[in-house]
Protein backbone atom coordinates (compact mmCIF):
# COMPACT_ATOMS: atom_id res chain seq x y z
CA MET A 1 -7.25 7.23 -22.72
CA GLU A 2 -7.82 9.28 -19.66
CA VAL A 3 -8.96 12.70 -19.88
CA TYR A 4 -9.37 15.23 -16.53
CA ALA A 5 -12.96 16.24 -16.32
CA GLY A 6 -15.04 17.24 -13.60
CA GLY A 7 -12.34 17.70 -11.05
CA LYS A 8 -11.49 13.91 -11.78
CA TRP A 9 -9.76 11.67 -14.25
CA GLN A 10 -12.14 9.72 -16.77
CA ASP A 11 -11.39 7.40 -19.39
CA ALA A 12 -12.53 8.78 -22.64
CA ASP A 13 -12.98 5.59 -24.28
CA MET A 14 -15.33 4.21 -21.58
CA ASN A 15 -18.62 2.86 -22.85
CA THR A 16 -21.63 4.86 -21.88
CA LYS A 17 -22.69 1.89 -19.70
CA LEU A 18 -19.61 2.34 -17.54
CA LYS A 19 -19.43 6.14 -17.59
CA ASN A 20 -22.88 6.62 -15.85
CA ASN A 21 -22.20 3.65 -13.42
CA PRO A 22 -22.08 5.12 -9.72
CA LEU A 23 -19.73 2.70 -8.52
CA LEU A 24 -17.17 4.27 -10.79
CA ALA A 25 -17.72 7.93 -10.00
CA GLU A 26 -15.03 7.90 -7.34
CA PRO A 27 -11.54 9.29 -7.44
CA SER A 28 -8.58 7.15 -8.85
CA TRP A 29 -4.77 6.45 -8.41
CA PRO A 30 -2.42 4.86 -10.68
CA VAL A 31 -0.81 1.96 -8.77
CA ARG A 32 2.74 0.26 -9.67
CA MET A 33 3.65 -2.85 -7.60
CA ALA A 34 6.26 -5.39 -7.90
CA PHE A 35 6.46 -8.97 -6.35
CA PHE A 36 9.35 -10.67 -5.68
CA LYS A 37 10.08 -14.03 -4.33
CA ILE A 38 11.41 -14.69 -0.98
CA ASP A 39 14.60 -16.58 -2.03
CA THR A 40 15.53 -14.38 -4.86
CA GLU A 41 19.06 -12.81 -4.80
CA THR A 42 19.03 -11.09 -8.09
CA GLY A 43 17.04 -8.41 -7.15
CA GLU A 44 14.51 -8.46 -9.92
CA PRO A 45 10.83 -8.81 -9.68
CA ASP A 46 8.99 -12.02 -10.34
CA TYR A 47 6.31 -10.03 -11.95
CA GLU A 48 5.11 -6.43 -11.96
CA MET A 49 1.41 -4.87 -11.78
CA ASN A 50 0.10 -1.43 -12.91
CA LEU A 51 -3.53 -0.74 -12.11
CA ASN A 52 -5.83 2.15 -12.05
CA LEU A 53 -7.38 1.68 -8.44
CA LEU A 54 -10.66 3.68 -7.38
CA ALA A 55 -11.10 4.71 -4.13
CA ASN A 56 -13.64 2.26 -3.22
CA GLY A 57 -10.99 -0.84 -4.45
CA VAL A 58 -12.18 -1.31 -7.87
CA ALA A 59 -9.55 -1.59 -10.53
CA ARG A 60 -11.00 -0.27 -13.74
CA THR A 61 -7.58 -1.27 -15.64
CA MET A 62 -4.83 -3.65 -14.95
CA GLN A 63 -1.76 -4.90 -16.60
CA ILE A 64 0.35 -7.71 -15.04
CA ASP A 65 3.94 -7.87 -16.64
CA TYR A 66 5.82 -11.10 -16.25
CA GLY A 67 8.73 -9.96 -18.12
CA ASP A 68 8.53 -12.25 -21.31
CA PHE A 69 4.93 -11.26 -21.65
CA SER A 70 2.07 -9.30 -20.19
CA VAL A 71 -1.61 -9.58 -19.69
CA THR A 72 -4.12 -6.57 -19.98
CA GLY A 73 -7.19 -6.44 -18.59
CA THR A 74 -10.11 -3.38 -18.89
CA LEU A 75 -13.27 -3.37 -16.98
CA SER A 76 -16.33 -3.97 -18.96
CA ASP A 77 -19.27 -4.36 -16.65
CA ILE A 78 -19.95 -3.75 -12.71
CA GLU A 79 -22.83 -3.89 -10.62
CA PRO A 80 -23.32 -3.72 -7.03
CA ILE A 81 -23.87 -6.83 -4.68
CA PRO A 82 -27.02 -6.52 -2.80
CA GLY A 83 -26.61 -6.13 0.78
CA PRO A 84 -27.24 -9.07 3.53
CA GLY A 85 -30.74 -9.47 4.58
CA CYS A 86 -31.35 -9.57 8.05
């Protein structure tokens, strides 16, 4: 469940490790996408995807709906990748 606090949406059920992670202190938007086969004539999507996308490109939650079944994922851990050494 998400709540609006501190000027942004936050996951009320997010564990403490993620709540304090600076990579997740970004604005986020709900995104819904549909993917279609090129040669389809039905107008129905092959699958659909819902995600909560942060400004830095990280998806906190994701659901892929294939019609007959769906797969849901929730971010459980994240850490920065060290920059390249010169």
